[in-house]
Amino acid sequence: MLQMTSSRPVPAEFDRALKLAARGSWHECIRLITMKPEIARTDKKRGTTLLVETAHLCPPTSFVTAFVQAGGDINAKSEEGYAPLHALADNCKASGTLESLRALLDAGANPSALGHAGWRPLHFVAKHGCIDFAKRLIDSGANPNERADSPEEETPLMIAARNGRSEFAKFLLAEGADTNLRDRNEWSAADHARHLMHRALAKDLESK
């Protein structure tokens, strides 16, 4: 969790930065962070940071750089368990996510960090089927067989199968995903696909 500093911004400054980001006024937001670096370092009531709050907006590299230079923690999480990379992964279909992903990873974001509901970034991406995003995560060290820290302990392949993401499942298989792994209920990825009527995908997974 992000540590508090002796210089906390008033909530109005943090909220102003959020509004600027929401309008896409990234240059103004960067200027505000440069003048008031404590905005990047505060936890704003619940441990969240400005980057966590804006990651779903696909911030440009310049914003991520300014955030880090101001002392912000690239891996700090909100009370709900979202780090910036989780928030971005959960919105991976949006335009501009790959640039933001590159910026976060270059700044030291953990590609396998545990997040909300015990999911890692690759689990969020598997839900949405974003192959290019997932490839960059794996190239940066994410394991295609990594389990969620959840009661089910599901793998990304199981989540892709459950959501009928056939092309994404093929991608994971090419990256080394194991179809023989089972969750805590002894369900395989094929079982997950079959349960939600993705029969063709289930059959394909069983044949691997």
N, C-alpha and C. Protein backbone atom coordinates (compact mmCIF):
# COMPACT_ATOMS: atom_id res chain seq x y z
N MET A 1 0.83 -1.18 0.00
CA MET A 1 0.00 0.00 0.00
C MET A 1 0.88 1.25 0.00
N LEU A 2 0.45 2.27 -0.69
CA LEU A 2 1.22 3.49 -0.80
C LEU A 2 1.38 4.14 0.57
N GLN A 3 2.58 4.60 0.89
CA GLN A 3 2.84 5.26 2.15
C GLN A 3 2.41 6.72 2.07
N MET A 4 1.92 7.22 3.19
CA MET A 4 1.54 8.61 3.25
C MET A 4 2.79 9.48 3.33
N THR A 5 2.70 10.69 2.85
CA THR A 5 3.79 11.63 2.96
C THR A 5 3.38 12.74 3.91
N SER A 6 4.34 13.55 4.28
CA SER A 6 4.05 14.64 5.20
C SER A 6 3.31 15.77 4.52
N SER A 7 3.28 15.75 3.19
CA SER A 7 2.61 16.82 2.45
C SER A 7 1.46 16.24 1.66
N ARG A 8 0.26 16.37 2.20
CA ARG A 8 -0.91 15.84 1.52
C ARG A 8 -1.65 16.96 0.81
N PRO A 9 -2.08 16.75 -0.40
CA PRO A 9 -2.85 17.78 -1.10
C PRO A 9 -4.26 17.86 -0.54
N VAL A 10 -4.86 18.99 -0.70
CA VAL A 10 -6.26 19.08 -0.32
C VAL A 10 -7.05 18.27 -1.33
N PRO A 11 -8.19 17.69 -0.94
CA PRO A 11 -8.96 16.87 -1.87
C PRO A 11 -9.29 17.58 -3.17
N ALA A 12 -9.46 18.89 -3.11
CA ALA A 12 -9.82 19.63 -4.32
C ALA A 12 -8.76 19.50 -5.40
N GLU A 13 -7.48 19.45 -5.02
CA GLU A 13 -6.41 19.33 -6.00
C GLU A 13 -6.43 17.95 -6.67
N PHE A 14 -6.67 16.93 -5.86
CA PHE A 14 -6.76 15.58 -6.41
C PHE A 14 -7.94 15.49 -7.35
N ASP A 15 -9.08 16.02 -6.92
CA ASP A 15 -10.29 15.98 -7.75
C ASP A 15 -10.12 16.78 -9.03
N ARG A 16 -9.40 17.87 -8.95
CA ARG A 16 -9.15 18.66 -10.15
C ARG A 16 -8.33 17.85 -11.16
N ALA A 17 -7.33 17.14 -10.67
CA ALA A 17 -6.51 16.31 -11.55
C ALA A 17 -7.36 15.22 -12.19
N LEU A 18 -8.28 14.63 -11.42
CA LEU A 18 -9.16 13.60 -11.97
C LEU A 18 -10.04 14.16 -13.08
N LYS A 19 -10.57 15.35 -12.87
CA LYS A 19 -11.45 15.97 -13.87
C LYS A 19 -10.68 16.29 -15.14
N LEU A 20 -9.46 16.76 -14.99
CA LEU A 20 -8.63 17.04 -16.16
C LEU A 20 -8.38 15.77 -16.96
N ALA A 21 -8.06 14.68 -16.26
CA ALA A 21 -7.82 13.41 -16.94
C ALA A 21 -9.08 12.91 -17.63
N ALA A 22 -10.22 13.05 -16.98
CA ALA A 22 -11.49 12.59 -17.55
C ALA A 22 -11.82 13.35 -18.83
N ARG A 23 -11.39 14.59 -18.92
CA ARG A 23 -11.64 15.40 -20.12
C ARG A 23 -10.58 15.15 -21.19
N GLY A 24 -9.57 14.36 -20.84
CA GLY A 24 -8.49 14.12 -21.79
C GLY A 24 -7.47 15.23 -21.81
N SER A 25 -7.52 16.10 -20.81
CA SER A 25 -6.57 17.22 -20.72
C SER A 25 -5.30 16.76 -20.00
N TRP A 26 -4.60 15.82 -20.63
CA TRP A 26 -3.46 15.20 -19.98
C TRP A 26 -2.31 16.18 -19.75
N HIS A 27 -2.10 17.11 -20.69
CA HIS A 27 -1.00 18.07 -20.52
C HIS A 27 -1.24 18.94 -19.29
N GLU A 28 -2.49 19.40 -19.12
CA GLU A 28 -2.82 20.20 -17.94
C GLU A 28 -2.68 19.38 -16.67
N CYS A 29 -3.07 18.12 -16.74
CA CYS A 29 -2.97 17.23 -15.59
C CYS A 29 -1.50 17.02 -15.21
N ILE A 30 -0.66 16.84 -16.21
CA ILE A 30 0.78 16.67 -15.96
C ILE A 30 1.36 17.94 -15.34
N ARG A 31 0.94 19.08 -15.85
CA ARG A 31 1.43 20.34 -15.30
C ARG A 31 1.04 20.48 -13.83
N LEU A 32 -0.18 20.06 -13.50
CA LEU A 32 -0.64 20.13 -12.12
C LEU A 32 0.17 19.20 -11.22
N ILE A 33 0.46 17.99 -11.71
CA ILE A 33 1.27 17.04 -10.94
C ILE A 33 2.69 17.60 -10.73
N THR A 34 3.23 18.23 -11.77
CA THR A 34 4.57 18.80 -11.67
C THR A 34 4.62 19.90 -10.61
N MET A 35 3.57 20.71 -10.55
CA MET A 35 3.52 21.79 -9.57
C MET A 35 3.17 21.27 -8.17
N LYS A 36 2.36 20.23 -8.12
CA LYS A 36 1.89 19.67 -6.85
C LYS A 36 2.19 18.17 -6.82
N PRO A 37 3.46 17.76 -6.72
CA PRO A 37 3.80 16.33 -6.78
C PRO A 37 3.16 15.49 -5.70
N GLU A 38 2.73 16.11 -4.61
CA GLU A 38 2.08 15.34 -3.55
C GLU A 38 0.77 14.72 -4.02
N ILE A 39 0.21 15.22 -5.11
CA ILE A 39 -1.01 14.64 -5.65
C ILE A 39 -0.76 13.18 -6.06
N ALA A 40 0.43 12.92 -6.58
CA ALA A 40 0.76 11.56 -7.02
C ALA A 40 1.03 10.65 -5.83
N ARG A 41 1.42 11.23 -4.70
CA ARG A 41 1.86 10.41 -3.59
C ARG A 41 0.78 10.16 -2.53
N THR A 42 -0.31 10.83 -2.61
CA THR A 42 -1.34 10.65 -1.60
C THR A 42 -2.14 9.36 -1.82
N ASP A 43 -2.76 8.88 -0.77
CA ASP A 43 -3.63 7.71 -0.94
C ASP A 43 -5.09 8.11 -1.02
N LYS A 44 -5.40 9.36 -0.88
CA LYS A 44 -6.77 9.89 -0.99
C LYS A 44 -7.80 8.99 -0.33
N LYS A 45 -7.77 8.99 0.96
CA LYS A 45 -8.77 8.34 1.82
C LYS A 45 -8.65 6.83 1.88
N ARG A 46 -8.58 6.15 0.75
CA ARG A 46 -8.70 4.69 0.76
C ARG A 46 -7.46 3.97 0.25
N GLY A 47 -6.37 4.67 0.06
CA GLY A 47 -5.17 4.02 -0.45
C GLY A 47 -5.06 4.05 -1.95
N THR A 48 -6.02 4.66 -2.63
CA THR A 48 -5.95 4.73 -4.08
C THR A 48 -5.02 5.86 -4.50
N THR A 49 -4.56 5.82 -5.73
CA THR A 49 -3.70 6.87 -6.26
C THR A 49 -4.32 7.46 -7.52
N LEU A 50 -3.76 8.54 -7.95
CA LEU A 50 -4.25 9.20 -9.16
C LEU A 50 -4.14 8.28 -10.36
N LEU A 51 -3.09 7.47 -10.42
CA LEU A 51 -2.91 6.57 -11.56
C LEU A 51 -3.91 5.42 -11.54
N VAL A 52 -4.22 4.90 -10.36
CA VAL A 52 -5.26 3.87 -10.26
C VAL A 52 -6.60 4.42 -10.76
N GLU A 53 -6.90 5.64 -10.33
CA GLU A 53 -8.18 6.26 -10.66
C GLU A 53 -8.32 6.60 -12.14
N THR A 54 -7.19 6.75 -12.84
CA THR A 54 -7.23 7.19 -14.24
C THR A 54 -6.77 6.12 -15.22
N ALA A 55 -6.32 4.97 -14.75
CA ALA A 55 -5.75 3.95 -15.64
C ALA A 55 -6.75 3.50 -16.70
N HIS A 56 -8.04 3.42 -16.33
CA HIS A 56 -9.05 2.97 -17.30
C HIS A 56 -9.24 3.95 -18.44
N LEU A 57 -8.70 5.17 -18.28
CA LEU A 57 -8.79 6.19 -19.33
C LEU A 57 -7.63 6.09 -20.32
N CYS A 58 -6.76 5.10 -20.14
CA CYS A 58 -5.61 4.87 -21.02
C CYS A 58 -4.67 6.08 -21.05
N PRO A 59 -4.05 6.40 -19.91
CA PRO A 59 -3.17 7.57 -19.86
C PRO A 59 -1.96 7.43 -20.78
N PRO A 60 -1.50 8.53 -21.35
CA PRO A 60 -0.32 8.47 -22.23
C PRO A 60 0.95 8.25 -21.43
N THR A 61 2.00 7.91 -22.15
CA THR A 61 3.29 7.65 -21.52
C THR A 61 3.76 8.86 -20.71
N SER A 62 3.54 10.05 -21.23
CA SER A 62 3.99 11.26 -20.55
C SER A 62 3.35 11.41 -19.17
N PHE A 63 2.10 10.99 -19.04
CA PHE A 63 1.43 11.08 -17.75
C PHE A 63 2.01 10.06 -16.77
N VAL A 64 2.20 8.83 -17.24
CA VAL A 64 2.78 7.79 -16.38
C VAL A 64 4.17 8.22 -15.91
N THR A 65 4.96 8.78 -16.82
CA THR A 65 6.30 9.24 -16.46
C THR A 65 6.23 10.35 -15.41
N ALA A 66 5.32 11.29 -15.60
CA ALA A 66 5.17 12.39 -14.64
C ALA A 66 4.73 11.87 -13.28
N PHE A 67 3.85 10.90 -13.29
CA PHE A 67 3.37 10.31 -12.03
C PHE A 67 4.52 9.68 -11.25
N VAL A 68 5.35 8.90 -11.95
CA VAL A 68 6.48 8.23 -11.30
C VAL A 68 7.51 9.25 -10.82
N GLN A 69 7.81 10.24 -11.66
CA GLN A 69 8.79 11.26 -11.28
C GLN A 69 8.32 12.07 -10.08
N ALA A 70 7.01 12.18 -9.90
CA ALA A 70 6.47 12.91 -8.75
C ALA A 70 6.47 12.07 -7.48
N GLY A 71 6.89 10.82 -7.59
CA GLY A 71 6.97 9.96 -6.42
C GLY A 71 5.83 8.98 -6.28
N GLY A 72 5.00 8.85 -7.30
CA GLY A 72 3.88 7.90 -7.24
C GLY A 72 4.35 6.46 -7.34
N ASP A 73 3.62 5.58 -6.69
CA ASP A 73 3.93 4.15 -6.69
C ASP A 73 3.16 3.47 -7.82
N ILE A 74 3.89 2.93 -8.79
CA ILE A 74 3.28 2.35 -9.97
C ILE A 74 2.46 1.10 -9.64
N ASN A 75 2.76 0.45 -8.51
CA ASN A 75 2.06 -0.78 -8.14
C ASN A 75 1.12 -0.62 -6.95
N ALA A 76 0.92 0.61 -6.48
CA ALA A 76 0.00 0.83 -5.36
C ALA A 76 -1.42 0.46 -5.76
N LYS A 77 -2.16 -0.11 -4.82
CA LYS A 77 -3.52 -0.58 -5.09
C LYS A 77 -4.56 0.23 -4.34
N SER A 78 -5.75 0.23 -4.88
CA SER A 78 -6.88 0.83 -4.20
C SER A 78 -7.37 -0.12 -3.12
N GLU A 79 -8.29 0.34 -2.31
CA GLU A 79 -8.85 -0.51 -1.26
C GLU A 79 -9.51 -1.74 -1.86
N GLU A 80 -10.05 -1.61 -3.09
CA GLU A 80 -10.70 -2.74 -3.75
C GLU A 80 -9.71 -3.72 -4.36
N GLY A 81 -8.42 -3.38 -4.33
CA GLY A 81 -7.41 -4.30 -4.83
C GLY A 81 -6.94 -4.04 -6.25
N TYR A 82 -7.30 -2.90 -6.81
CA TYR A 82 -6.87 -2.58 -8.17
C TYR A 82 -5.58 -1.77 -8.16
N ALA A 83 -4.56 -2.28 -8.83
CA ALA A 83 -3.39 -1.48 -9.18
C ALA A 83 -3.68 -0.90 -10.57
N PRO A 84 -2.91 0.08 -11.02
CA PRO A 84 -3.17 0.64 -12.35
C PRO A 84 -3.24 -0.40 -13.45
N LEU A 85 -2.37 -1.40 -13.40
CA LEU A 85 -2.35 -2.42 -14.45
C LEU A 85 -3.62 -3.26 -14.45
N HIS A 86 -4.20 -3.52 -13.28
CA HIS A 86 -5.48 -4.26 -13.23
C HIS A 86 -6.59 -3.44 -13.87
N ALA A 87 -6.64 -2.15 -13.52
CA ALA A 87 -7.69 -1.29 -14.07
C ALA A 87 -7.58 -1.20 -15.59
N LEU A 88 -6.35 -1.10 -16.08
CA LEU A 88 -6.14 -1.03 -17.52
C LEU A 88 -6.50 -2.35 -18.19
N ALA A 89 -6.10 -3.47 -17.58
CA ALA A 89 -6.39 -4.78 -18.15
C ALA A 89 -7.89 -5.04 -18.23
N ASP A 90 -8.63 -4.54 -17.25
CA ASP A 90 -10.07 -4.74 -17.24
C ASP A 90 -10.77 -3.87 -18.27
N ASN A 91 -10.01 -2.97 -18.89
CA ASN A 91 -10.55 -2.11 -19.95
C ASN A 91 -9.71 -2.26 -21.21
N CYS A 92 -9.19 -3.47 -21.43
CA CYS A 92 -8.18 -3.69 -22.48
C CYS A 92 -8.70 -3.51 -23.90
N LYS A 93 -9.99 -3.47 -24.10
CA LYS A 93 -10.53 -3.30 -25.45
C LYS A 93 -10.58 -1.83 -25.87
N ALA A 94 -10.33 -0.93 -24.95
CA ALA A 94 -10.39 0.50 -25.27
C ALA A 94 -9.21 0.92 -26.14
N SER A 95 -9.42 1.96 -26.92
CA SER A 95 -8.36 2.49 -27.76
C SER A 95 -7.26 3.10 -26.90
N GLY A 96 -6.01 2.81 -27.23
CA GLY A 96 -4.88 3.40 -26.52
C GLY A 96 -4.34 2.55 -25.39
N THR A 97 -4.93 1.39 -25.15
CA THR A 97 -4.49 0.60 -24.00
C THR A 97 -3.07 0.05 -24.18
N LEU A 98 -2.68 -0.26 -25.39
CA LEU A 98 -1.35 -0.85 -25.58
C LEU A 98 -0.24 0.16 -25.28
N GLU A 99 -0.45 1.41 -25.63
CA GLU A 99 0.54 2.44 -25.30
C GLU A 99 0.63 2.60 -23.78
N SER A 100 -0.54 2.63 -23.13
CA SER A 100 -0.54 2.76 -21.67
C SER A 100 0.09 1.54 -21.01
N LEU A 101 -0.18 0.37 -21.57
CA LEU A 101 0.41 -0.86 -21.03
C LEU A 101 1.93 -0.81 -21.12
N ARG A 102 2.43 -0.40 -22.26
CA ARG A 102 3.88 -0.30 -22.43
C ARG A 102 4.48 0.67 -21.41
N ALA A 103 3.80 1.79 -21.20
CA ALA A 103 4.29 2.79 -20.26
C ALA A 103 4.31 2.23 -18.83
N LEU A 104 3.26 1.52 -18.45
CA LEU A 104 3.19 0.97 -17.10
C LEU A 104 4.27 -0.09 -16.89
N LEU A 105 4.43 -0.98 -17.86
CA LEU A 105 5.44 -2.03 -17.74
C LEU A 105 6.85 -1.45 -17.71
N ASP A 106 7.10 -0.45 -18.56
CA ASP A 106 8.42 0.18 -18.58
C ASP A 106 8.72 0.88 -17.25
N ALA A 107 7.65 1.32 -16.58
CA ALA A 107 7.83 2.03 -15.30
C ALA A 107 7.93 1.07 -14.12
N GLY A 108 7.81 -0.24 -14.39
CA GLY A 108 7.98 -1.22 -13.33
C GLY A 108 6.72 -1.87 -12.82
N ALA A 109 5.61 -1.76 -13.53
CA ALA A 109 4.38 -2.42 -13.09
C ALA A 109 4.58 -3.93 -13.10
N ASN A 110 4.07 -4.60 -12.07
CA ASN A 110 4.21 -6.05 -11.94
C ASN A 110 3.18 -6.74 -12.83
N PRO A 111 3.62 -7.48 -13.86
CA PRO A 111 2.67 -8.10 -14.79
C PRO A 111 1.87 -9.25 -14.19
N SER A 112 2.24 -9.70 -12.99
CA SER A 112 1.53 -10.82 -12.35
C SER A 112 0.98 -10.44 -10.98
N ALA A 113 0.82 -9.16 -10.72
CA ALA A 113 0.36 -8.72 -9.41
C ALA A 113 -1.05 -9.21 -9.11
N LEU A 114 -1.27 -9.63 -7.86
CA LEU A 114 -2.61 -10.01 -7.43
C LEU A 114 -3.46 -8.75 -7.30
N GLY A 115 -4.72 -8.88 -7.70
CA GLY A 115 -5.61 -7.73 -7.62
C GLY A 115 -6.98 -8.10 -7.12
N HIS A 116 -7.96 -7.36 -7.55
CA HIS A 116 -9.35 -7.55 -7.13
C HIS A 116 -9.80 -8.99 -7.35
N ALA A 117 -10.44 -9.56 -6.34
CA ALA A 117 -10.96 -10.94 -6.40
C ALA A 117 -9.85 -11.97 -6.57
N GLY A 118 -8.61 -11.56 -6.29
CA GLY A 118 -7.50 -12.49 -6.41
C GLY A 118 -7.03 -12.69 -7.84
N TRP A 119 -7.57 -11.89 -8.77
CA TRP A 119 -7.16 -12.02 -10.17
C TRP A 119 -5.87 -11.27 -10.43
N ARG A 120 -5.12 -11.78 -11.39
CA ARG A 120 -3.93 -11.12 -11.90
C ARG A 120 -4.29 -10.43 -13.23
N PRO A 121 -3.45 -9.55 -13.74
CA PRO A 121 -3.79 -8.86 -15.00
C PRO A 121 -4.21 -9.80 -16.12
N LEU A 122 -3.54 -10.95 -16.25
CA LEU A 122 -3.85 -11.87 -17.33
C LEU A 122 -5.26 -12.46 -17.20
N HIS A 123 -5.77 -12.58 -15.98
CA HIS A 123 -7.13 -13.08 -15.79
C HIS A 123 -8.16 -12.07 -16.32
N PHE A 124 -7.93 -10.78 -16.04
CA PHE A 124 -8.84 -9.76 -16.55
C PHE A 124 -8.82 -9.75 -18.08
N VAL A 125 -7.63 -9.86 -18.65
CA VAL A 125 -7.49 -9.83 -20.11
C VAL A 125 -8.15 -11.05 -20.74
N ALA A 126 -8.04 -12.20 -20.07
CA ALA A 126 -8.67 -13.42 -20.59
C ALA A 126 -10.18 -13.28 -20.66
N LYS A 127 -10.75 -12.58 -19.70
CA LYS A 127 -12.20 -12.37 -19.71
C LYS A 127 -12.64 -11.62 -20.96
N HIS A 128 -11.81 -10.65 -21.38
CA HIS A 128 -12.17 -9.81 -22.53
C HIS A 128 -11.60 -10.31 -23.86
N GLY A 129 -10.60 -11.18 -23.80
CA GLY A 129 -10.04 -11.75 -25.02
C GLY A 129 -9.08 -10.84 -25.78
N CYS A 130 -8.30 -10.03 -25.06
CA CYS A 130 -7.39 -9.09 -25.70
C CYS A 130 -6.02 -9.75 -25.91
N ILE A 131 -5.80 -10.27 -27.09
CA ILE A 131 -4.61 -11.07 -27.35
C ILE A 131 -3.33 -10.23 -27.33
N ASP A 132 -3.31 -9.08 -27.99
CA ASP A 132 -2.09 -8.26 -28.03
C ASP A 132 -1.69 -7.81 -26.64
N PHE A 133 -2.67 -7.46 -25.84
CA PHE A 133 -2.41 -7.04 -24.46
C PHE A 133 -1.80 -8.21 -23.68
N ALA A 134 -2.40 -9.39 -23.84
CA ALA A 134 -1.92 -10.57 -23.12
C ALA A 134 -0.51 -10.95 -23.55
N LYS A 135 -0.21 -10.82 -24.83
CA LYS A 135 1.13 -11.17 -25.31
C LYS A 135 2.18 -10.30 -24.63
N ARG A 136 1.89 -9.03 -24.47
CA ARG A 136 2.86 -8.14 -23.83
C ARG A 136 3.03 -8.49 -22.36
N LEU A 137 1.94 -8.89 -21.72
CA LEU A 137 2.05 -9.31 -20.32
C LEU A 137 2.95 -10.55 -20.20
N ILE A 138 2.71 -11.52 -21.07
CA ILE A 138 3.49 -12.76 -21.03
C ILE A 138 4.95 -12.49 -21.39
N ASP A 139 5.18 -11.64 -22.39
CA ASP A 139 6.55 -11.29 -22.76
C ASP A 139 7.27 -10.58 -21.62
N SER A 140 6.48 -9.98 -20.72
CA SER A 140 7.07 -9.26 -19.58
C SER A 140 7.17 -10.13 -18.33
N GLY A 141 6.78 -11.40 -18.45
CA GLY A 141 6.97 -12.31 -17.33
C GLY A 141 5.72 -12.95 -16.76
N ALA A 142 4.54 -12.58 -17.24
CA ALA A 142 3.32 -13.22 -16.75
C ALA A 142 3.29 -14.69 -17.21
N ASN A 143 2.80 -15.56 -16.35
CA ASN A 143 2.74 -17.00 -16.63
C ASN A 143 1.35 -17.36 -17.16
N PRO A 144 1.26 -17.96 -18.35
CA PRO A 144 -0.06 -18.30 -18.90
C PRO A 144 -0.83 -19.30 -18.05
N ASN A 145 -0.14 -19.97 -17.11
CA ASN A 145 -0.81 -20.93 -16.23
C ASN A 145 -0.99 -20.41 -14.80
N GLU A 146 -0.74 -19.12 -14.59
CA GLU A 146 -0.82 -18.59 -13.23
C GLU A 146 -2.26 -18.64 -12.72
N ARG A 147 -2.37 -19.05 -11.48
CA ARG A 147 -3.70 -19.22 -10.87
C ARG A 147 -4.11 -17.94 -10.13
N ALA A 148 -5.41 -17.74 -10.08
CA ALA A 148 -5.94 -16.64 -9.29
C ALA A 148 -5.87 -17.02 -7.81
N ASP A 149 -5.70 -16.03 -6.97
CA ASP A 149 -5.73 -16.26 -5.53
C ASP A 149 -7.18 -16.10 -5.07
N SER A 150 -8.00 -17.03 -5.52
CA SER A 150 -9.45 -17.00 -5.27
C SER A 150 -9.88 -18.39 -4.82
N PRO A 151 -11.09 -18.54 -4.33
CA PRO A 151 -11.55 -19.88 -3.92
C PRO A 151 -11.47 -20.91 -5.03
N GLU A 152 -11.65 -20.47 -6.28
CA GLU A 152 -11.63 -21.43 -7.40
C GLU A 152 -10.22 -21.70 -7.92
N GLU A 153 -9.30 -20.76 -7.71
CA GLU A 153 -7.93 -20.88 -8.22
C GLU A 153 -7.92 -21.14 -9.74
N GLU A 154 -8.71 -20.38 -10.46
CA GLU A 154 -8.80 -20.59 -11.89
C GLU A 154 -7.59 -20.01 -12.63
N THR A 155 -7.32 -20.57 -13.79
CA THR A 155 -6.25 -20.09 -14.66
C THR A 155 -6.84 -19.18 -15.73
N PRO A 156 -5.99 -18.40 -16.43
CA PRO A 156 -6.50 -17.58 -17.52
C PRO A 156 -7.23 -18.40 -18.59
N LEU A 157 -6.75 -19.61 -18.86
CA LEU A 157 -7.41 -20.45 -19.86
C LEU A 157 -8.83 -20.81 -19.42
N MET A 158 -9.02 -21.07 -18.16
CA MET A 158 -10.36 -21.38 -17.65
C MET A 158 -11.30 -20.20 -17.81
N ILE A 159 -10.78 -19.00 -17.55
CA ILE A 159 -11.60 -17.79 -17.68
C ILE A 159 -11.93 -17.53 -19.15
N ALA A 160 -10.96 -17.73 -20.02
CA ALA A 160 -11.21 -17.57 -21.46
C ALA A 160 -12.26 -18.57 -21.93
N ALA A 161 -12.15 -19.81 -21.45
CA ALA A 161 -13.10 -20.86 -21.85
C ALA A 161 -14.50 -20.53 -21.35
N ARG A 162 -14.60 -20.05 -20.14
CA ARG A 162 -15.89 -19.72 -19.54
C ARG A 162 -16.59 -18.60 -20.31
N ASN A 163 -15.79 -17.72 -20.89
CA ASN A 163 -16.34 -16.59 -21.63
C ASN A 163 -16.40 -16.82 -23.14
N GLY A 164 -16.09 -18.05 -23.56
CA GLY A 164 -16.19 -18.38 -24.97
C GLY A 164 -15.15 -17.70 -25.86
N ARG A 165 -14.00 -17.38 -25.31
CA ARG A 165 -12.95 -16.68 -26.06
C ARG A 165 -12.06 -17.69 -26.78
N SER A 166 -12.56 -18.20 -27.89
CA SER A 166 -11.87 -19.28 -28.61
C SER A 166 -10.50 -18.85 -29.12
N GLU A 167 -10.41 -17.70 -29.76
CA GLU A 167 -9.13 -17.25 -30.31
C GLU A 167 -8.13 -16.97 -29.20
N PHE A 168 -8.63 -16.43 -28.10
CA PHE A 168 -7.74 -16.17 -26.98
C PHE A 168 -7.25 -17.47 -26.38
N ALA A 169 -8.12 -18.47 -26.31
CA ALA A 169 -7.72 -19.78 -25.79
C ALA A 169 -6.63 -20.38 -26.68
N LYS A 170 -6.77 -20.24 -27.99
CA LYS A 170 -5.75 -20.75 -28.91
C LYS A 170 -4.41 -20.04 -28.67
N PHE A 171 -4.49 -18.75 -28.45
CA PHE A 171 -3.28 -17.98 -28.16
C PHE A 171 -2.60 -18.50 -26.89
N LEU A 172 -3.39 -18.71 -25.83
CA LEU A 172 -2.83 -19.20 -24.58
C LEU A 172 -2.20 -20.58 -24.75
N LEU A 173 -2.85 -21.43 -25.52
CA LEU A 173 -2.30 -22.76 -25.76
C LEU A 173 -0.95 -22.66 -26.47
N ALA A 174 -0.85 -21.74 -27.42
CA ALA A 174 0.42 -21.55 -28.13
C ALA A 174 1.51 -21.01 -27.20
N GLU A 175 1.08 -20.33 -26.13
CA GLU A 175 2.03 -19.77 -25.16
C GLU A 175 2.34 -20.75 -24.03
N GLY A 176 1.76 -21.95 -24.09
CA GLY A 176 2.08 -22.96 -23.10
C GLY A 176 1.03 -23.23 -22.05
N ALA A 177 -0.18 -22.72 -22.24
CA ALA A 177 -1.24 -23.00 -21.27
C ALA A 177 -1.54 -24.49 -21.23
N ASP A 178 -1.80 -25.00 -20.03
CA ASP A 178 -2.00 -26.43 -19.81
C ASP A 178 -3.49 -26.74 -19.67
N THR A 179 -4.02 -27.54 -20.59
CA THR A 179 -5.44 -27.91 -20.56
C THR A 179 -5.75 -28.92 -19.47
N ASN A 180 -4.73 -29.53 -18.89
CA ASN A 180 -4.96 -30.55 -17.87
C ASN A 180 -5.12 -29.98 -16.46
N LEU A 181 -4.82 -28.70 -16.29
CA LEU A 181 -4.97 -28.10 -14.97
C LEU A 181 -6.44 -28.03 -14.58
N ARG A 182 -6.71 -28.16 -13.30
CA ARG A 182 -8.08 -28.12 -12.78
C ARG A 182 -8.17 -27.13 -11.63
N ASP A 183 -9.36 -26.55 -11.49
CA ASP A 183 -9.56 -25.61 -10.39
C ASP A 183 -9.91 -26.37 -9.11
N ARG A 184 -10.26 -25.65 -8.07
CA ARG A 184 -10.54 -26.28 -6.78
C ARG A 184 -11.77 -27.19 -6.83
N ASN A 185 -12.62 -27.00 -7.83
CA ASN A 185 -13.79 -27.86 -8.01
C ASN A 185 -13.52 -29.03 -8.94
N GLU A 186 -12.23 -29.19 -9.31
CA GLU A 186 -11.80 -30.25 -10.23
C GLU A 186 -12.34 -30.05 -11.64
N TRP A 187 -12.62 -28.81 -12.00
CA TRP A 187 -13.05 -28.49 -13.36
C TRP A 187 -11.85 -28.07 -14.19
N SER A 188 -11.80 -28.59 -15.42
CA SER A 188 -10.78 -28.17 -16.37
C SER A 188 -11.32 -26.99 -17.19
N ALA A 189 -10.47 -26.43 -18.04
CA ALA A 189 -10.92 -25.36 -18.93
C ALA A 189 -12.05 -25.85 -19.83
N ALA A 190 -11.95 -27.09 -20.31
CA ALA A 190 -13.00 -27.66 -21.15
C ALA A 190 -14.32 -27.76 -20.39
N ASP A 191 -14.26 -28.10 -19.13
CA ASP A 191 -15.46 -28.18 -18.31
C ASP A 191 -16.14 -26.81 -18.19
N HIS A 192 -15.32 -25.80 -18.03
CA HIS A 192 -15.87 -24.44 -17.93
C HIS A 192 -16.56 -24.04 -19.23
N ALA A 193 -15.93 -24.37 -20.34
CA ALA A 193 -16.52 -24.04 -21.64
C ALA A 193 -17.83 -24.79 -21.85
N ARG A 194 -17.84 -26.05 -21.53
CA ARG A 194 -19.03 -26.88 -21.73
C ARG A 194 -20.19 -26.42 -20.84
N HIS A 195 -19.86 -26.03 -19.62
CA HIS A 195 -20.90 -25.62 -18.67
C HIS A 195 -21.68 -24.41 -19.17
N LEU A 196 -21.00 -23.56 -19.92
CA LEU A 196 -21.66 -22.35 -20.44
C LEU A 196 -21.97 -22.47 -21.93
N MET A 197 -22.09 -23.71 -22.38
CA MET A 197 -22.57 -24.03 -23.72
C MET A 197 -21.63 -23.62 -24.86
N HIS A 198 -20.37 -23.49 -24.56
CA HIS A 198 -19.37 -23.23 -25.60
C HIS A 198 -18.83 -24.60 -26.05
N ARG A 199 -19.68 -25.35 -26.72
CA ARG A 199 -19.38 -26.76 -27.00
C ARG A 199 -18.19 -26.95 -27.94
N ALA A 200 -18.11 -26.12 -28.99
CA ALA A 200 -17.00 -26.26 -29.94
C ALA A 200 -15.67 -25.99 -29.25
N LEU A 201 -15.65 -24.99 -28.39
CA LEU A 201 -14.43 -24.68 -27.66
C LEU A 201 -14.09 -25.80 -26.70
N ALA A 202 -15.08 -26.33 -26.03
CA ALA A 202 -14.85 -27.44 -25.09
C ALA A 202 -14.24 -28.63 -25.82
N LYS A 203 -14.79 -28.93 -26.98
CA LYS A 203 -14.29 -30.08 -27.76
C LYS A 203 -12.85 -29.83 -28.19
N ASP A 204 -12.55 -28.61 -28.59
CA ASP A 204 -11.21 -28.27 -29.03
C ASP A 204 -10.22 -28.40 -27.87
N LEU A 205 -10.61 -27.93 -26.70
CA LEU A 205 -9.72 -28.01 -25.54
C LEU A 205 -9.49 -29.44 -25.11
N GLU A 206 -10.50 -30.28 -25.23
CA GLU A 206 -10.36 -31.68 -24.84
C GLU A 206 -9.43 -32.43 -25.78
N SER A 207 -9.30 -31.94 -26.99
CA SER A 207 -8.46 -32.63 -27.97
C SER A 207 -6.98 -32.30 -27.83
N LYS A 208 -6.67 -31.31 -27.00
CA LYS A 208 -5.26 -30.89 -26.84
C LYS A 208 -4.53 -31.78 -25.85
